[in-house]
Protein backbone atom coordinates (compact mmCIF):
# COMPACT_ATOMS: atom_id res chain seq x y z
CA MET A 1 85.15 69.83 129.90
CA VAL A 2 85.31 69.77 133.68
CA ILE A 3 82.44 71.47 135.49
CA CYS A 4 83.53 73.32 138.63
CA CYS A 5 81.35 74.96 141.23
CA ASN A 6 81.95 77.47 144.00
CA ASN A 7 78.34 77.97 145.01
CA ASN A 8 77.88 76.75 148.56
CA SER A 9 74.11 76.74 148.18
CA VAL A 10 74.24 73.49 146.20
CA CYS A 11 75.48 71.54 149.24
CA ARG A 12 72.97 69.62 151.31
CA SER A 13 72.20 70.78 154.83
CA THR A 14 74.59 69.64 157.55
CA GLY A 15 73.06 66.61 159.28
CA PRO A 16 73.80 65.27 162.78
CA GLU A 17 76.73 63.11 161.56
CA ASP A 18 77.97 65.55 158.92
CA VAL A 19 80.96 67.83 158.62
CA PHE A 20 80.71 70.98 156.50
CA VAL A 21 84.06 71.55 154.80
CA LYS A 22 85.30 74.61 152.94
CA VAL A 23 87.56 73.20 150.24
CA MET A 24 91.08 74.59 150.23
CA CYS A 25 92.66 72.42 147.54
CA CYS A 26 92.11 69.24 145.56
CA GLY A 27 94.42 66.98 143.59
CA ILE A 28 93.68 65.92 140.02
CA CYS A 29 93.78 62.14 139.56
CA HIS A 30 93.79 60.20 136.28
CA THR A 31 90.39 58.84 137.32
CA ASP A 32 89.02 62.39 137.12
CA LEU A 33 90.10 62.40 133.49
CA HIS A 34 88.39 59.04 132.87
CA GLN A 35 85.19 60.31 134.47
CA ALA A 36 85.17 63.67 132.71
CA LYS A 37 85.58 61.95 129.33
CA ASN A 38 83.16 59.11 130.17
CA ASP A 39 85.87 56.56 129.37
CA LEU A 40 84.19 54.05 131.68
CA GLY A 41 80.69 54.65 130.30
CA MET A 42 79.24 55.67 133.67
CA SER A 43 79.57 59.46 133.77
CA ASN A 44 76.66 61.76 134.54
CA TYR A 45 76.68 65.45 133.70
CA PRO A 46 76.97 68.13 134.87
CA MET A 47 79.86 66.80 136.94
CA VAL A 48 82.01 68.30 139.68
CA PRO A 49 85.06 65.99 139.96
CA GLY A 50 87.78 65.84 142.60
CA HIS A 51 88.46 63.22 145.28
CA GLU A 52 91.75 64.34 146.86
CA VAL A 53 90.22 67.04 148.99
CA VAL A 54 91.69 69.08 151.83
CA GLY A 55 89.68 71.77 153.55
CA GLU A 56 88.74 73.54 156.75
CA VAL A 57 85.81 72.50 158.94
CA LEU A 58 83.26 75.32 159.15
CA GLU A 59 80.42 73.45 160.84
CA VAL A 60 79.81 70.07 162.50
CA GLY A 61 76.59 68.18 163.18
CA SER A 62 75.25 67.59 166.67
CA ASP A 63 76.53 63.99 166.80
CA VAL A 64 79.99 64.66 165.39
CA SER A 65 82.70 63.76 167.89
CA LYS A 66 85.88 63.49 165.83
CA PHE A 67 86.10 67.01 164.43
CA ARG A 68 85.82 70.63 165.51
CA VAL A 69 85.35 73.90 163.67
CA GLY A 70 88.72 75.04 162.37
CA ASP A 71 90.19 71.56 161.88
CA ILE A 72 92.04 70.89 158.63
CA VAL A 73 90.63 67.66 157.21
CA GLY A 74 90.72 65.42 154.17
CA VAL A 75 88.10 63.66 152.05
CA GLY A 76 88.93 60.88 149.59
CA CYS A 77 87.16 58.79 146.98
CA ILE A 78 84.06 57.66 148.85
CA VAL A 79 81.52 59.40 151.08
CA GLY A 80 79.10 56.61 151.95
CA CYS A 81 78.65 52.85 152.42
CA CYS A 82 75.98 50.44 153.68
CA ARG A 83 77.76 49.80 157.04
CA ASN A 84 76.41 46.27 157.45
CA CYS A 85 78.11 44.11 154.81
CA ARG A 86 81.26 42.03 155.23
CA PRO A 87 83.61 44.71 153.83
CA CYS A 88 82.05 47.40 156.01
CA ASP A 89 82.22 45.19 159.11
CA SER A 90 85.93 44.50 158.52
CA ASP A 91 87.10 48.09 157.91
CA ASN A 92 87.20 47.56 154.15
CA GLU A 93 84.34 49.88 153.27
CA GLN A 94 85.98 50.81 149.96
CA TYR A 95 84.84 47.38 148.73
CA CYS A 96 81.22 47.81 149.83
CA LEU A 97 78.95 47.15 146.86
CA LYS A 98 76.77 50.07 147.93
CA LYS A 99 79.56 52.59 148.45
CA ILE A 100 78.85 56.16 147.40
CA TRP A 101 81.50 57.94 145.35
CA SER A 102 82.61 61.45 146.23
CA TYR A 103 81.25 62.62 142.87
CA ASN A 104 79.31 61.30 139.90
CA ASP A 105 77.04 59.38 142.24
CA VAL A 106 73.77 59.81 144.08
CA TYR A 107 73.68 60.33 147.85
CA THR A 108 71.12 58.80 150.20
CA ASP A 109 68.95 61.92 149.87
CA GLY A 110 68.67 61.40 146.11
CA LYS A 111 70.91 64.34 145.21
CA PRO A 112 74.10 64.05 143.13
CA THR A 113 77.40 64.02 144.95
CA GLN A 114 79.92 66.74 144.11
CA GLY A 115 83.66 66.49 144.42
CA GLY A 116 86.51 68.69 145.54
CA PHE A 117 86.47 71.14 142.65
CA ALA A 118 83.43 72.64 144.40
CA GLY A 119 83.86 75.40 146.95
CA SER A 120 82.52 73.24 149.79
CA MET A 121 81.39 69.75 150.69
CA VAL A 122 79.14 68.18 153.32
CA VAL A 123 80.49 64.76 154.29
CA ASP A 124 79.58 62.12 156.87
CA GLN A 125 82.22 62.16 159.61
CA LYS A 126 83.10 58.50 158.92
CA PHE A 127 84.61 59.54 155.59
CA VAL A 128 86.60 62.51 156.86
CA VAL A 129 90.15 62.31 158.24
CA ASN A 130 92.15 64.76 160.31
CA ILE A 131 95.28 66.06 158.63
CA PRO A 132 98.25 65.71 160.99
CA GLU A 133 99.52 69.02 162.28
CA GLY A 134 102.37 70.48 160.28
CA MET A 135 101.51 68.83 156.96
CA ALA A 136 100.88 71.33 154.15
CA PRO A 137 97.37 70.98 152.66
CA GLU A 138 98.57 71.01 149.06
CA GLN A 139 101.10 68.27 149.83
CA VAL A 140 98.54 66.11 151.61
CA ALA A 141 95.85 66.22 148.90
CA PRO A 142 97.44 63.60 146.57
CA LEU A 143 98.05 61.27 149.51
CA LEU A 144 94.27 60.85 149.95
CA CYS A 145 94.15 58.79 146.74
CA ALA A 146 97.63 58.23 145.33
CA GLY A 147 99.25 57.69 148.73
CA VAL A 148 96.71 55.27 150.16
CA THR A 149 96.44 53.42 146.83
CA VAL A 150 100.04 52.31 147.36
CA TYR A 151 99.96 51.97 151.15
CA SER A 152 96.88 49.73 151.25
CA PRO A 153 98.16 46.77 149.19
CA LEU A 154 101.54 46.86 150.92
CA ASN A 155 99.69 46.71 154.22
CA HIS A 156 97.11 44.10 153.22
CA PHE A 157 99.51 41.68 151.54
CA GLY A 158 102.08 41.83 154.34
CA LEU A 159 104.65 43.72 152.30
CA MET A 160 105.61 46.40 154.82
CA GLY A 161 108.70 44.70 156.26
CA SER A 162 112.16 46.01 155.42
CA GLY A 163 114.43 44.18 152.99
CA LEU A 164 111.84 43.38 150.31
CA ARG A 165 112.51 44.06 146.64
CA GLY A 166 109.65 45.86 144.97
CA GLY A 167 108.84 47.24 141.54
CA ILE A 168 106.80 50.32 140.69
CA LEU A 169 105.40 50.12 137.17
CA GLY A 170 104.63 53.60 135.88
CA LEU A 171 105.98 56.81 137.37
CA GLY A 172 103.02 59.16 137.61
CA GLY A 173 100.97 60.44 140.54
CA VAL A 174 100.53 57.04 142.17
CA GLY A 175 103.89 55.68 141.05
CA HIS A 176 106.01 58.46 142.51
CA MET A 177 104.32 58.01 145.89
CA GLY A 178 104.88 54.27 145.53
CA VAL A 179 108.62 54.85 145.29
CA LYS A 180 108.64 57.15 148.30
CA ILE A 181 106.48 54.96 150.54
CA ALA A 182 108.23 51.71 149.63
CA LYS A 183 111.65 53.28 150.21
CA ALA A 184 110.47 54.60 153.59
CA MET A 185 109.52 51.01 154.50
CA GLY A 186 113.06 49.90 153.77
CA HIS A 187 112.47 48.25 150.39
CA HIS A 188 114.85 48.04 147.45
CA VAL A 189 112.77 49.78 144.77
CA THR A 190 112.99 49.39 141.01
CA VAL A 191 111.05 51.78 138.78
CA ILE A 192 109.82 50.19 135.54
CA SER A 193 108.89 52.54 132.72
CA SER A 194 108.39 52.53 128.96
CA SER A 195 111.27 54.98 128.37
CA ASP A 196 114.30 56.38 130.14
CA LYS A 197 113.08 59.98 130.21
CA LYS A 198 112.27 59.81 133.94
CA LYS A 199 115.37 57.85 134.94
CA VAL A 200 117.26 60.75 136.51
CA GLU A 201 114.20 61.89 138.44
CA ALA A 202 113.48 58.38 139.68
CA LEU A 203 117.01 57.67 140.88
CA GLU A 204 118.20 61.09 142.04
CA HIS A 205 115.04 62.86 143.20
CA LEU A 206 112.73 60.07 144.31
CA GLY A 207 115.42 57.74 145.65
CA ALA A 208 114.72 54.62 143.59
CA ASP A 209 117.49 52.02 143.59
CA ASP A 210 117.16 50.79 140.00
CA TYR A 211 115.42 51.78 136.79
CA LEU A 212 114.23 49.40 134.08
CA VAL A 213 113.02 50.31 130.60
CA SER A 214 110.45 47.71 129.60
CA SER A 215 111.59 47.67 125.96
CA ASP A 216 115.19 46.88 126.97
CA ALA A 217 115.16 43.11 126.49
CA GLU A 218 118.62 42.60 127.96
CA GLY A 219 117.89 44.66 131.05
CA MET A 220 114.55 42.94 131.61
CA GLN A 221 116.20 39.54 131.25
CA LYS A 222 118.84 40.40 133.83
CA ALA A 223 116.11 41.51 136.26
CA ALA A 224 114.05 38.32 135.86
CA ASP A 225 113.03 36.53 139.04
CA SER A 226 114.20 39.45 141.24
CA LEU A 227 111.13 41.17 142.69
CA ASP A 228 108.83 40.24 145.56
CA TYR A 229 106.05 42.44 144.21
CA ILE A 230 105.20 44.94 141.50
CA ILE A 231 102.65 47.70 142.01
CA ASP A 232 101.23 48.33 138.54
CA THR A 233 99.98 51.92 138.38
CA VAL A 234 99.58 52.19 134.60
CA PRO A 235 96.03 53.41 133.74
CA VAL A 236 96.02 52.33 130.07
CA PHE A 237 96.22 48.96 128.30
CA HIS A 238 99.59 47.23 128.52
CA PRO A 239 100.88 43.63 128.36
CA LEU A 240 101.40 41.85 131.68
CA GLU A 241 103.76 39.05 130.67
CA PRO A 242 106.98 41.11 130.61
CA TYR A 243 106.41 42.13 134.21
CA LEU A 244 105.33 38.72 135.47
CA SER A 245 108.76 37.46 134.45
CA LEU A 246 110.36 39.88 136.92
CA LEU A 247 108.65 38.31 139.92
CA LYS A 248 110.18 35.75 142.24
CA LEU A 249 108.42 32.61 143.39
CA ASP A 250 105.10 33.66 145.02
CA GLY A 251 105.57 37.21 143.75
CA LYS A 252 102.57 39.48 143.33
CA LEU A 253 101.59 41.78 140.48
CA ILE A 254 99.19 44.26 142.05
CA LEU A 255 96.97 46.22 139.66
CA THR A 256 95.94 49.72 140.79
CA GLY A 257 95.29 51.53 137.49
CA VAL A 258 91.76 51.85 136.13
CA ILE A 259 91.74 50.31 132.63
CA ASN A 260 88.65 49.90 130.47
CA THR A 261 90.00 47.18 128.15
CA PRO A 262 90.80 43.52 128.98
CA LEU A 263 94.35 42.59 129.94
CA GLN A 264 95.90 39.31 128.77
CA PHE A 265 98.57 36.83 129.84
CA VAL A 266 99.36 33.15 129.25
CA SER A 267 98.73 30.96 132.28
CA PRO A 268 102.21 29.35 132.50
CA MET A 269 103.62 32.78 133.34
CA VAL A 270 101.66 32.57 136.58
CA MET A 271 101.68 28.81 137.17
CA LEU A 272 105.43 28.26 136.87
CA GLY A 273 106.23 30.48 139.82
CA ARG A 274 103.01 30.37 141.82
CA LYS A 275 102.68 34.04 141.05
CA SER A 276 99.59 36.13 141.68
CA ILE A 277 97.87 38.81 139.68
CA THR A 278 95.66 40.76 142.03
CA GLY A 279 94.16 44.19 142.43
CA SER A 280 93.73 46.81 145.09
CA PHE A 281 91.42 49.81 145.26
CA ILE A 282 92.38 52.94 147.24
CA GLY A 283 92.26 52.06 150.95
CA SER A 284 89.98 52.07 153.96
CA MET A 285 89.46 55.06 156.20
CA LYS A 286 91.56 53.28 158.82
CA GLU A 287 94.38 52.78 156.32
CA THR A 288 94.09 56.40 155.18
CA GLU A 289 94.67 57.59 158.74
CA GLU A 290 97.58 55.16 159.16
CA MET A 291 99.10 56.29 155.87
CA LEU A 292 98.91 59.97 156.80
CA ASN A 293 100.60 59.28 160.13
CA PHE A 294 103.25 57.19 158.37
CA CYS A 295 103.96 60.00 155.89
CA LYS A 296 104.12 62.50 158.73
CA GLU A 297 106.54 60.31 160.68
CA LYS A 298 108.75 59.68 157.64
CA ASN A 299 108.45 63.28 156.37
CA LEU A 300 107.08 62.11 153.02
CA THR A 301 105.58 64.65 150.63
CA SER A 302 104.19 64.45 147.12
CA MET A 303 105.76 66.26 144.16
CA ILE A 304 103.12 68.63 142.87
CA GLU A 305 102.29 71.51 140.57
CA VAL A 306 99.76 73.90 142.11
CA VAL A 307 97.32 75.46 139.65
CA LYS A 308 94.40 77.86 139.87
CA MET A 309 90.76 77.02 139.20
CA ASP A 310 90.79 78.58 135.73
CA TYR A 311 93.62 76.25 134.70
CA ILE A 312 91.79 72.97 135.37
CA ASN A 313 90.89 72.14 131.76
CA THR A 314 94.46 72.82 130.64
CA ALA A 315 95.74 70.68 133.51
CA MET A 316 93.47 67.83 132.40
CA GLU A 317 94.81 68.10 128.86
CA ARG A 318 98.38 68.01 130.15
CA LEU A 319 97.58 65.07 132.42
CA GLU A 320 96.32 63.11 129.42
CA LYS A 321 99.75 63.68 127.83
CA ASN A 322 101.54 62.72 131.07
CA ASP A 323 102.87 66.28 131.20
CA VAL A 324 103.00 66.73 134.98
CA ARG A 325 105.55 65.98 137.70
CA TYR A 326 103.75 64.30 139.38
CA ARG A 327 100.36 65.58 140.51
CA PHE A 328 98.35 68.69 139.79
CA VAL A 329 96.77 70.24 142.87
CA VAL A 330 94.06 72.85 142.35
CA ASP A 331 94.04 75.86 144.65
CA VAL A 332 90.26 75.81 144.91
CA ALA A 333 89.99 78.53 147.57
CA GLY A 334 92.45 80.85 145.84
CA SER A 335 94.50 80.86 149.03
CA LYS A 336 97.91 81.27 147.34
CA LEU A 337 99.17 77.82 148.27
CA ASP A 338 102.87 77.11 147.89
CA GLN A 339 103.61 77.10 144.18
């Protein structure tokens, strides 16, 4: 069961570098499901999940320069880092070994962190982003995890140029944003899925160019050696070899799904094409800001289902069954967001 909280008194006091945010809405990510069920063996209860947070600034600390009362802002997966390690010094604070998660963690004051299903949050200004004017809060929320999870590896690995051929493995919350962002960059995009039940949506609604069913041996064979990269968004165990065969010379299979069991492949699948299996985790604060501006410029939005607070447990059950197109967003403030 997910524990939610609307009691502002549980928040810490607003410090000099802090921003006090009244939560408006928060997306539900598959990681929230993993954490709530302790799939990764690291959950602490009671827990207040949520890391795709959009809210209104109600108060700022004396040293806050980036935000003002009334601003609409976003908060993602992390709320703290050491600030003096190599990742922190290179604007890759999401890889800091001392990063502090938005929830299910302990802050520097010794108190547990609480996520976006709470009524409010107090967050260091470094880990808050302004939401570009004109972007609907409920549409932005999934971008703070799902959006940047796709944008970051494309940016880091130099895959933002037009004309590339990319694959999106799995068409869920992250996958559907992968299609949209890659298409907006000018890529030829192939969706790869375990069945054809999302084919019409992928091609007609999301704008994908091709659709592959992984169990279709003939179709997979025809697509061999055709993709520059694959962003693997699948959050459960799956074989890698069928997808490695789709990559061109020097192609990259980029893992973004959190999986708690080992994945396997035979080394010739990588060696005989100088292919890479790599991973990427969300994105930096700098990349988050870039991604939001990119989505604003390209008029990209997420496909969502807005639900009320009392529907969260049902939404989690549906998410586990992949029964959502493509992201639940919780109307935490009860502000009658666009349904």
